[in-house]
Protein backbone atom coordinates (compact mmCIF):
# COMPACT_ATOMS: atom_id res chain seq x y z
CA MET A 1 244.18 55.25 -54.08
CA GLU A 2 244.86 51.67 -53.02
CA TYR A 3 247.14 52.95 -50.23
CA TYR A 4 244.31 55.02 -48.73
CA PHE A 5 241.96 52.04 -48.82
CA ALA A 6 244.58 49.75 -47.32
CA PHE A 7 245.42 52.26 -44.58
CA ALA A 8 241.73 52.66 -43.68
CA ALA A 9 241.27 48.88 -43.55
CA VAL A 10 244.29 48.45 -41.28
CA ALA A 11 243.10 51.29 -39.02
CA LEU A 12 239.70 49.63 -38.59
CA LEU A 13 241.34 46.30 -37.83
CA LEU A 14 243.55 47.91 -35.19
CA ILE A 15 240.55 49.59 -33.56
CA ASN A 16 238.80 46.23 -33.48
CA LEU A 17 241.82 44.54 -31.85
CA ILE A 18 242.19 47.35 -29.29
CA SER A 19 238.49 47.03 -28.37
CA LEU A 20 238.92 43.28 -27.85
CA ALA A 21 241.98 43.89 -25.66
CA ILE A 22 240.05 46.38 -23.52
CA ALA A 23 237.16 43.94 -23.16
CA ALA A 24 239.57 41.12 -22.24
CA TRP A 25 241.10 43.33 -19.54
CA ARG A 26 237.82 44.69 -18.19
CA LEU A 27 235.59 41.60 -18.25
CA SER A 28 235.80 38.68 -15.85
CA PRO A 29 234.87 35.15 -16.95
CA LEU A 30 231.25 34.13 -16.57
CA GLY A 31 230.63 32.81 -13.07
CA THR A 32 233.45 34.74 -11.40
CA PRO A 33 232.46 35.32 -7.74
CA ALA A 34 231.76 38.89 -6.69
CA PRO A 35 234.30 40.63 -4.46
CA VAL A 36 233.59 40.32 -0.74
CA ILE A 37 232.16 43.55 0.65
CA SER A 38 231.33 44.57 4.21
CA ASP A 39 228.68 47.19 3.42
CA ARG A 40 225.47 45.22 2.78
CA PRO A 41 222.50 47.60 3.00
CA ALA A 42 218.90 46.55 2.44
CA VAL A 43 217.90 46.52 -1.23
CA SER A 44 214.62 46.72 -3.14
CA ILE A 45 214.57 44.89 -6.49
CA VAL A 46 211.89 46.15 -8.89
CA ILE A 47 211.12 43.69 -11.69
CA PRO A 48 208.74 44.71 -14.53
CA ALA A 49 207.16 41.57 -15.97
CA ARG A 50 204.91 40.72 -18.88
CA GLY A 51 203.98 37.30 -20.23
CA ILE A 52 205.70 33.94 -19.97
CA GLU A 53 209.24 33.78 -21.38
CA ASN A 54 211.46 30.83 -22.29
CA PHE A 55 213.15 30.68 -18.89
CA THR A 56 210.55 32.30 -16.62
CA ALA A 57 210.64 29.47 -14.04
CA LEU A 58 214.44 29.58 -13.86
CA THR A 59 214.77 33.37 -13.58
CA LEU A 60 212.05 33.53 -10.92
CA THR A 61 213.71 30.81 -8.86
CA HIS A 62 217.06 32.59 -8.98
CA ALA A 63 215.49 35.89 -7.88
CA PHE A 64 214.27 34.24 -4.68
CA LYS A 65 217.67 32.69 -3.85
CA LEU A 66 219.97 35.69 -3.62
CA ASP A 67 222.74 35.63 -1.04
CA TRP A 68 221.94 39.01 0.49
CA PRO A 69 220.77 39.56 4.07
CA HIS A 70 217.90 41.99 3.47
CA TYR A 71 216.14 42.42 0.14
CA GLU A 72 212.61 42.67 -1.16
CA LEU A 73 211.22 41.73 -4.57
CA ILE A 74 208.62 43.98 -6.15
CA PHE A 75 207.09 42.51 -9.30
CA CYS A 76 205.32 45.04 -11.49
CA VAL A 77 202.63 43.88 -13.92
CA ALA A 78 200.52 46.16 -16.08
CA GLU A 79 197.48 43.88 -16.40
CA GLU A 80 195.94 41.70 -13.71
CA ARG A 81 195.05 38.97 -16.24
CA ASP A 82 198.66 38.56 -17.38
CA PRO A 83 199.60 34.85 -17.04
CA ILE A 84 202.88 35.82 -15.38
CA VAL A 85 200.95 36.75 -12.22
CA ALA A 86 200.17 33.10 -11.41
CA ARG A 87 203.80 32.09 -11.95
CA ILE A 88 205.03 34.81 -9.61
CA GLU A 89 202.47 33.82 -6.99
CA GLU A 90 203.71 30.22 -7.16
CA ALA A 91 207.30 31.37 -6.65
CA MET A 92 206.27 33.56 -3.73
CA ALA A 93 204.44 30.65 -2.10
CA ALA A 94 207.52 28.45 -2.51
CA HIS A 95 209.76 31.06 -0.82
CA PRO A 96 207.75 32.64 2.02
CA GLU A 97 210.99 33.68 3.74
CA ILE A 98 211.61 36.35 1.05
CA ARG A 99 209.59 39.53 1.20
CA ALA A 100 207.89 39.81 -2.18
CA ARG A 101 204.77 41.39 -3.63
CA ILE A 102 203.03 41.99 -6.94
CA LEU A 103 201.87 45.45 -7.94
CA VAL A 104 199.38 45.73 -10.79
CA GLY A 105 198.59 48.85 -12.79
CA ASP A 106 199.67 51.11 -15.62
CA ASP A 107 201.17 54.51 -14.79
CA ARG A 108 201.43 56.27 -18.14
CA ILE A 109 204.28 58.75 -17.61
CA SER A 110 206.07 58.18 -20.92
CA ALA A 111 206.07 56.40 -24.28
CA ASN A 112 208.26 53.71 -22.68
CA PRO A 113 206.04 50.78 -21.56
CA LYS A 114 208.71 49.26 -19.32
CA LEU A 115 209.29 52.52 -17.49
CA ASN A 116 205.55 52.97 -17.05
CA ASN A 117 205.38 49.54 -15.46
CA CYS A 118 208.24 50.32 -13.06
CA VAL A 119 206.73 53.50 -11.62
CA LYS A 120 204.59 51.84 -8.97
CA GLY A 121 207.45 49.61 -7.89
CA TRP A 122 209.86 52.52 -7.51
CA ARG A 123 207.39 54.47 -5.41
CA ALA A 124 206.67 51.44 -3.22
CA ALA A 125 210.34 50.54 -2.65
CA ALA A 126 211.11 50.58 1.07
CA ASN A 127 214.91 50.89 0.80
CA ASP A 128 217.41 53.55 -0.26
CA TRP A 129 219.09 51.17 -2.72
CA VAL A 130 216.88 50.10 -5.61
CA ILE A 131 217.70 47.74 -8.47
CA LEU A 132 215.61 47.94 -11.63
CA ALA A 133 215.98 44.48 -13.16
CA ASP A 134 214.43 43.02 -16.30
CA SER A 135 212.43 39.83 -15.77
CA ASN A 136 214.71 37.81 -18.10
CA VAL A 137 217.89 38.47 -16.13
CA LEU A 138 219.27 35.26 -14.63
CA MET A 139 220.45 36.55 -11.27
CA PRO A 140 223.36 34.65 -9.71
CA ALA A 141 223.33 34.19 -5.94
CA ASP A 142 225.84 37.06 -5.62
CA TYR A 143 223.84 39.33 -7.95
CA VAL A 144 223.58 42.19 -5.47
CA GLU A 145 227.26 41.86 -4.44
CA HIS A 146 228.35 42.29 -8.07
CA LEU A 147 226.35 45.49 -8.39
CA MET A 148 227.34 46.92 -5.01
CA SER A 149 231.04 46.10 -5.44
CA ALA A 150 231.19 47.99 -8.75
CA ARG A 151 230.55 51.30 -7.00
CA ARG A 152 233.35 53.86 -6.90
CA GLY A 153 233.72 57.33 -5.48
CA ASP A 154 232.24 59.02 -8.54
CA THR A 155 229.56 56.42 -9.32
CA GLY A 156 226.08 57.64 -10.09
CA LEU A 157 224.72 54.37 -11.44
CA VAL A 158 225.86 50.74 -11.70
CA CYS A 159 224.64 48.58 -14.59
CA SER A 160 225.21 45.26 -16.30
CA THR A 161 224.95 44.46 -19.97
CA PRO A 162 222.96 41.33 -20.88
CA LEU A 163 225.16 38.33 -21.59
CA GLY A 164 223.48 35.95 -24.03
CA SER A 165 223.50 32.36 -22.77
CA ARG A 166 221.79 28.99 -23.24
CA PRO A 167 221.14 29.47 -26.98
CA ASN A 168 219.02 26.87 -28.74
CA GLY A 169 219.63 26.94 -32.48
CA PHE A 170 221.60 29.03 -34.93
CA TRP A 171 219.62 32.25 -34.62
CA ALA A 172 219.94 32.22 -30.85
CA GLU A 173 223.70 31.88 -31.34
CA THR A 174 223.53 34.87 -33.68
CA GLU A 175 221.86 36.83 -30.90
CA CYS A 176 224.68 35.73 -28.58
CA ALA A 177 227.11 37.13 -31.15
CA PHE A 178 225.25 40.45 -31.04
CA LEU A 179 224.98 40.60 -27.25
CA ASN A 180 228.38 39.27 -26.20
CA GLY A 181 231.16 39.75 -28.73
CA HIS A 182 229.70 43.00 -30.08
CA GLN A 183 227.44 44.95 -27.73
CA ALA A 184 228.99 43.95 -24.39
CA ARG A 185 232.47 44.48 -25.80
CA TRP A 186 231.79 48.02 -26.99
CA GLN A 187 229.84 48.86 -23.82
CA TYR A 188 232.94 48.13 -21.76
CA VAL A 189 235.17 50.00 -24.19
CA GLY A 190 232.99 53.06 -23.74
CA GLU A 191 233.20 52.79 -19.95
CA ALA A 192 236.98 52.34 -20.06
CA LEU A 193 237.29 55.50 -22.15
CA GLY A 194 235.12 57.48 -19.73
CA PHE A 195 231.92 57.32 -21.78
CA GLY A 196 229.91 54.88 -19.69
CA PHE A 197 226.39 54.27 -20.97
CA ALA A 198 223.61 52.87 -18.80
CA GLN A 199 222.01 49.56 -19.70
CA GLY A 200 218.42 48.95 -18.63
CA LYS A 201 218.79 45.23 -17.89
CA SER A 202 220.10 45.78 -14.35
CA MET A 203 220.44 49.25 -12.85
CA LEU A 204 221.46 49.92 -9.23
CA TRP A 205 220.24 53.32 -8.06
CA TYR A 206 220.69 55.23 -4.82
CA LYS A 207 217.06 56.21 -4.48
CA PRO A 208 217.54 59.52 -2.61
CA MET A 209 219.84 60.73 -5.40
CA LEU A 210 217.34 60.04 -8.16
CA ASP A 211 214.39 61.24 -6.07
CA ALA A 212 216.18 64.57 -5.62
CA GLU A 213 216.21 64.89 -9.43
CA GLY A 214 212.50 64.12 -9.86
CA GLY A 215 212.42 60.41 -9.09
CA ILE A 216 211.77 57.72 -11.65
CA ASP A 217 209.69 60.22 -13.64
CA ALA A 218 212.98 61.89 -14.61
CA LEU A 219 213.80 58.82 -16.72
CA ALA A 220 210.89 59.72 -18.99
CA ALA A 221 213.01 62.53 -20.46
CA GLU A 222 214.09 60.08 -23.20
CA ILE A 223 212.25 57.27 -24.94
CA ALA A 224 214.78 54.81 -23.47
CA GLU A 225 215.15 54.89 -19.68
CA ASP A 226 218.82 53.92 -19.90
CA ALA A 227 219.58 56.87 -22.21
CA ALA A 228 217.81 59.23 -19.81
CA ALA A 229 219.72 57.66 -16.92
CA THR A 230 223.06 58.17 -18.70
CA LYS A 231 222.38 61.85 -19.36
CA LEU A 232 221.06 62.48 -15.84
CA VAL A 233 224.10 60.87 -14.20
CA ASN A 234 226.49 62.78 -16.46
CA ARG A 235 224.68 66.03 -15.69
CA LEU A 236 225.31 65.38 -11.99
CA GLY A 237 229.04 65.04 -12.69
CA ARG A 238 229.01 61.32 -11.94
CA LYS A 239 229.76 58.16 -13.94
CA VAL A 240 227.97 55.05 -15.08
CA HIS A 241 229.98 51.99 -14.07
CA LEU A 242 229.57 48.36 -15.12
CA VAL A 243 229.92 45.12 -13.19
CA SER A 244 232.99 43.12 -14.15
CA SER A 245 231.04 39.92 -14.75
CA PRO A 246 227.81 40.61 -16.68
CA PHE A 247 224.63 38.72 -15.85
CA GLU A 248 223.17 36.10 -18.11
CA GLN A 249 220.11 36.52 -20.29
CA PRO A 250 219.12 32.94 -21.20
CA LEU A 251 217.79 32.90 -24.74
CA GLY A 252 216.37 29.53 -25.74
CA ARG A 253 215.13 29.58 -29.32
CA ARG A 254 215.18 32.66 -31.52
CA ASN A 255 214.36 33.36 -35.15
CA LEU A 256 215.65 35.90 -37.65
CA GLY A 257 212.53 38.06 -37.40
CA GLU A 258 212.90 38.42 -33.64
CA ILE A 259 216.56 39.36 -33.93
CA TRP A 260 215.86 41.88 -36.69
CA ALA A 261 213.01 43.50 -34.74
CA ARG A 262 214.97 43.71 -31.49
CA GLN A 263 218.24 44.95 -32.99
CA SER A 264 216.42 47.46 -35.23
CA ARG A 265 214.55 48.87 -32.24
CA TRP A 266 217.70 49.19 -30.15
CA ALA A 267 219.55 50.81 -33.06
CA ARG A 268 216.72 53.28 -33.56
CA LEU A 269 216.79 54.14 -29.85
CA ARG A 270 220.55 54.72 -29.95
CA ARG A 271 220.22 56.80 -33.11
CA VAL A 272 217.57 59.03 -31.54
CA THR A 273 219.14 59.40 -28.09
CA PHE A 274 222.90 59.48 -28.90
CA PRO A 275 223.21 60.32 -32.63
CA VAL A 276 226.85 61.46 -32.44
CA TYR A 277 227.96 58.17 -30.91
CA PHE A 278 225.66 56.09 -33.07
CA ALA A 279 226.78 57.40 -36.48
CA PRO A 280 230.25 55.71 -36.42
CA GLU A 281 228.64 52.31 -35.74
CA ILE A 282 228.49 51.83 -39.51
CA LEU A 283 232.27 51.30 -39.35
CA LEU A 284 232.04 48.35 -36.94
CA GLY A 285 232.11 44.71 -37.93
CA VAL A 286 233.82 42.97 -40.81
CA VAL A 287 232.09 44.62 -43.77
CA PRO A 288 233.97 47.99 -43.83
CA PRO A 289 237.56 46.63 -43.52
CA LEU A 290 236.77 43.70 -45.83
CA THR A 291 235.37 46.05 -48.48
CA LEU A 292 238.29 48.47 -48.19
CA GLY A 293 240.93 45.72 -48.12
CA THR A 294 239.61 43.83 -51.13
CA ALA A 295 239.14 47.10 -53.03
CA ALA A 296 242.77 48.01 -52.34
CA ALA A 297 243.89 44.61 -53.63
CA VAL A 298 241.80 44.86 -56.81
CA ILE A 299 243.07 48.38 -57.55
CA ALA A 300 246.64 47.19 -57.01
CA ASP A 301 245.97 44.25 -59.37
CA ILE A 302 246.52 41.74 -56.55
CA SER A 303 244.35 38.72 -55.88
CA PRO A 304 241.92 39.72 -53.09
CA VAL A 305 241.73 36.17 -51.67
CA ALA A 306 244.71 36.42 -49.32
CA PRO A 307 243.87 39.93 -48.00
CA ALA A 308 240.24 38.88 -47.46
CA ALA A 309 241.29 35.76 -45.57
CA ALA A 310 243.69 37.78 -43.43
CA ILE A 311 240.97 40.31 -42.59
CA LEU A 312 238.46 37.60 -41.66
CA ALA A 313 241.02 35.89 -39.43
CA THR A 314 242.00 39.17 -37.76
CA ILE A 315 238.37 39.99 -37.02
CA TYR A 316 237.00 36.65 -35.89
CA LEU A 317 239.80 34.63 -34.31
CA PRO A 318 240.45 37.15 -31.49
CA GLU A 319 236.70 37.45 -30.85
CA LEU A 320 236.41 33.68 -30.61
CA GLY A 321 239.37 33.74 -28.22
CA LEU A 322 237.61 36.32 -26.07
CA ALA A 323 234.47 34.16 -25.91
CA VAL A 324 236.52 31.11 -24.86
CA ALA A 325 238.51 33.09 -22.27
CA LYS A 326 235.36 34.54 -20.68
CA SER A 327 233.41 31.24 -20.68
CA TRP A 328 230.75 32.59 -23.03
CA PRO A 329 228.71 30.19 -25.19
CA VAL A 330 230.98 28.80 -27.92
CA SER A 331 230.16 26.27 -30.63
CA LEU A 332 231.27 25.33 -34.11
CA ARG A 333 228.52 27.56 -35.50
CA LEU A 334 229.53 30.67 -33.59
CA CYS A 335 232.00 31.95 -36.20
CA PHE A 336 229.35 31.69 -38.91
CA ALA A 337 226.88 33.37 -36.54
CA MET A 338 229.32 36.28 -36.11
CA MET A 339 229.58 36.62 -39.88
CA VAL A 340 225.80 36.72 -40.24
CA ARG A 341 225.68 39.33 -37.46
CA ASP A 342 228.18 41.50 -39.32
CA ILE A 343 226.22 41.18 -42.57
CA LEU A 344 223.05 42.28 -40.77
CA MET A 345 224.67 45.23 -38.96
CA PRO A 346 224.86 47.68 -41.91
CA ALA A 347 221.23 46.94 -42.83
CA ILE A 348 220.15 47.50 -39.21
CA TRP A 349 222.13 50.76 -39.11
CA LEU A 350 220.41 51.96 -42.28
CA ARG A 351 217.00 50.87 -40.95
CA SER A 352 217.50 53.06 -37.88
CA TRP A 353 217.50 56.21 -40.02
CA ILE A 354 214.16 55.37 -41.61
CA GLY A 355 210.95 56.40 -39.84
CA GLY A 356 208.18 54.05 -38.87
CA SER A 357 206.82 52.14 -35.92
CA PHE A 358 208.29 49.24 -33.96
CA GLU A 359 206.78 46.41 -31.94
CA TRP A 360 207.95 46.19 -28.33
CA ARG A 361 206.48 43.22 -26.46
CA GLY A 362 202.99 43.76 -27.83
CA ASN A 363 203.22 47.55 -27.95
CA THR A 364 203.41 49.55 -31.17
CA MET A 365 205.84 52.44 -30.73
CA THR A 366 206.80 55.33 -32.95
CA ILE A 367 210.36 56.41 -32.12
CA GLY A 368 211.29 59.82 -33.45
CA THR A 369 214.04 62.36 -32.93
CA ASP A 370 211.69 65.05 -31.62
CA SER A 371 209.04 62.88 -29.97
CA SER A 372 208.03 59.28 -29.44
CA GLU A 373 204.62 57.73 -29.04
CA LEU A 374 203.15 54.59 -27.52
CA ASN A 375 200.31 53.66 -29.84
CA GLN A 376 198.83 50.74 -27.93
CA PRO A 377 197.90 50.24 -24.28
CA SER A 378 201.05 50.09 -22.18
CA VAL A 379 202.02 46.65 -20.96
CA ALA A 380 205.71 46.36 -20.10
């Protein structure tokens, strides 16, 4: 029996190392300039916004300073009294050279409040190329170049995962561990293996293509717009491709409750929209190989200390190396943050199989396999 446990532990460790190698090959260090491209069409950037966030002033400033010849910014807000409106107006006044506008209203086409908020922006977009970008994305000056240069002959959609940055405190570093070393890594592994999944943080669409399939309303087919986008693109025989250098999501302070709520919601969305791919997630992280390896040692009447130490080193040292190589946030607390992340992951996986409602930026949502509901007024 101990041989089976030991073999399973080694297999999981090898999979982990292979995934890190793929991520190291596929990802460029943070801040890597985008490739120079000659095709620079006009672009509409639709940004759903709600409330003031930790880095609102910074993300707004960056949005108005993109190195792209022709682009427009369309800010979508569900409620006119939202305090973000005044901040956007200040940014617009400071950058009159950039075409920008604010659209207010709530188009209830789905149980997804962010998608509902984007509808008016999509319909108002003046250009064939449209980027749907979350308000907390820190856009580099070459933001559009990164997205445009990732296109290939079979591309149906270009996306970027969020890269956690500027953490303030241990729990923010734990969120970095979730976003960077775990989620971004496996997102790129999926793309490398031909199973690219869309990510809603930044999505570059060719508007005529999506309009031919029903427009932005087609993304209401799933509770998560990125899941609907993935299935739509695959149905068209095309691929979802990722930028080589993901865009930052500056975090600031976080607490355990916020991380639990966010990760549980995302896990529930993955479980409902892609159950076959979600189920094996229970095997990720340090807990499964550590449990199997120590069990094998105990059964074989060997001290589990050395095997456990070897497993921990094999899991975390390469991930730390990846973070250093890609210029991601690294500190003395990061290794402990990764351990806490891996302890939380099985509980989050189990939570995703249990029914109930979730809070999403002030909205109470019920996410189910057959149907999902938005129980409060939609504000993205």
